[in-house]
C-alpha atoms as a PDB file:
ATOM      1  CA  UNK A   1       0.000   0.000   0.000  1.00  0.00           C
ATOM      2  CA  UNK A   2       1.363   3.430  -0.955  1.00  0.00           C
ATOM      3  CA  UNK A   3       2.026   5.818   1.944  1.00  0.00           C
ATOM      4  CA  UNK A   4       2.460   9.434   0.852  1.00  0.00           C
ATOM      5  CA  UNK A   5       4.260  10.206   4.122  1.00  0.00           C
ATOM      6  CA  UNK A   6       6.871   7.473   3.673  1.00  0.00           C
ATOM      7  CA  UNK A   7       9.584   9.604   2.072  1.00  0.00           C
ATOM      8  CA  UNK A   8      13.330   9.712   2.403  1.00  0.00           C
ATOM      9  CA  UNK A   9      14.557  12.772   4.230  1.00  0.00           C
ATOM     10  CA  UNK A  10      18.219  12.188   3.381  1.00  0.00           C
ATOM     11  CA  UNK A  11      19.857  15.178   1.751  1.00  0.00           C
ATOM     12  CA  UNK A  12      23.280  14.252   0.387  1.00  0.00           C
ATOM     13  CA  UNK A  13      24.429  17.874   0.062  1.00  0.00           C
ATOM     14  CA  UNK A  14      23.378  18.681   3.615  1.00  0.00           C
ATOM     15  CA  UNK A  15      25.165  15.600   4.953  1.00  0.00           C
ATOM     16  CA  UNK A  16      28.329  16.731   3.185  1.00  0.00           C
ATOM     17  CA  UNK A  17      28.067  20.198   4.712  1.00  0.00           C
ATOM     18  CA  UNK A  18      27.535  18.721   8.168  1.00  0.00           C
ATOM     19  CA  UNK A  19      30.640  16.554   7.728  1.00  0.00           C
ATOM     20  CA  UNK A  20      32.757  19.562   6.701  1.00  0.00           C
ATOM     21  CA  UNK A  21      31.474  21.621   9.621  1.00  0.00           C
ATOM     22  CA  UNK A  22      32.144  18.758  12.023  1.00  0.00           C
ATOM     23  CA  UNK A  23      35.694  18.418  10.716  1.00  0.00           C
ATOM     24  CA  UNK A  24      36.272  22.136  11.286  1.00  0.00           C
ATOM     25  CA  UNK A  25      34.865  21.967  14.816  1.00  0.00           C
ATOM     26  CA  UNK A  26      37.086  19.008  15.691  1.00  0.00           C
ATOM     27  CA  UNK A  27      40.189  20.685  14.250  1.00  0.00           C
ATOM     28  CA  UNK A  28      39.436  23.941  16.080  1.00  0.00           C
ATOM     29  CA  UNK A  29      38.906  22.084  19.339  1.00  0.00           C
ATOM     30  CA  UNK A  30      42.216  20.248  19.001  1.00  0.00           C
ATOM     31  CA  UNK A  31      44.141  23.375  17.985  1.00  0.00           C
ATOM     32  CA  UNK A  32      46.003  25.455  20.554  1.00  0.00           C
ATOM     33  CA  UNK A  33      45.175  28.660  18.684  1.00  0.00           C
ATOM     34  CA  UNK A  34      43.138  29.956  15.771  1.00  0.00           C
ATOM     35  CA  UNK A  35      43.264  27.931  12.571  1.00  0.00           C
ATOM     36  CA  UNK A  36      45.060  29.594   9.685  1.00  0.00           C
ATOM     37  CA  UNK A  37      43.351  30.077   6.344  1.00  0.00           C
ATOM     38  CA  UNK A  38      45.627  27.377   4.899  1.00  0.00           C
ATOM     39  CA  UNK A  39      44.615  24.909   7.623  1.00  0.00           C
ATOM     40  CA  UNK A  40      40.926  25.638   7.033  1.00  0.00           C
ATOM     41  CA  UNK A  41      41.347  25.198   3.276  1.00  0.00           C
ATOM     42  CA  UNK A  42      43.114  21.855   3.841  1.00  0.00           C
ATOM     43  CA  UNK A  43      40.321  20.632   6.143  1.00  0.00           C
ATOM     44  CA  UNK A  44      37.652  21.695   3.644  1.00  0.00           C
ATOM     45  CA  UNK A  45      39.564  20.202   0.723  1.00  0.00           C
ATOM     46  CA  UNK A  46      39.938  23.534  -1.051  1.00  0.00           C
ATOM     47  CA  UNK A  47      42.774  23.616  -3.561  1.00  0.00           C
ATOM     48  CA  UNK A  48      45.169  26.534  -3.231  1.00  0.00           C
ATOM     49  CA  UNK A  49      44.677  29.227  -5.829  1.00  0.00           C
ATOM     50  CA  UNK A  50      47.321  29.470  -8.510  1.00  0.00           C
END
């Protein structure tokens, strides 16, 4: 029987953003000082600009 309320609430993009944010929070917590822009880029997987 079809249930119109039985839908998947998984949002792949949102899960990815949550993972990135979590990684930043963990790195900031483990750091003795502020994270540099280079450290943040590395954690987020951002390639350095040429």
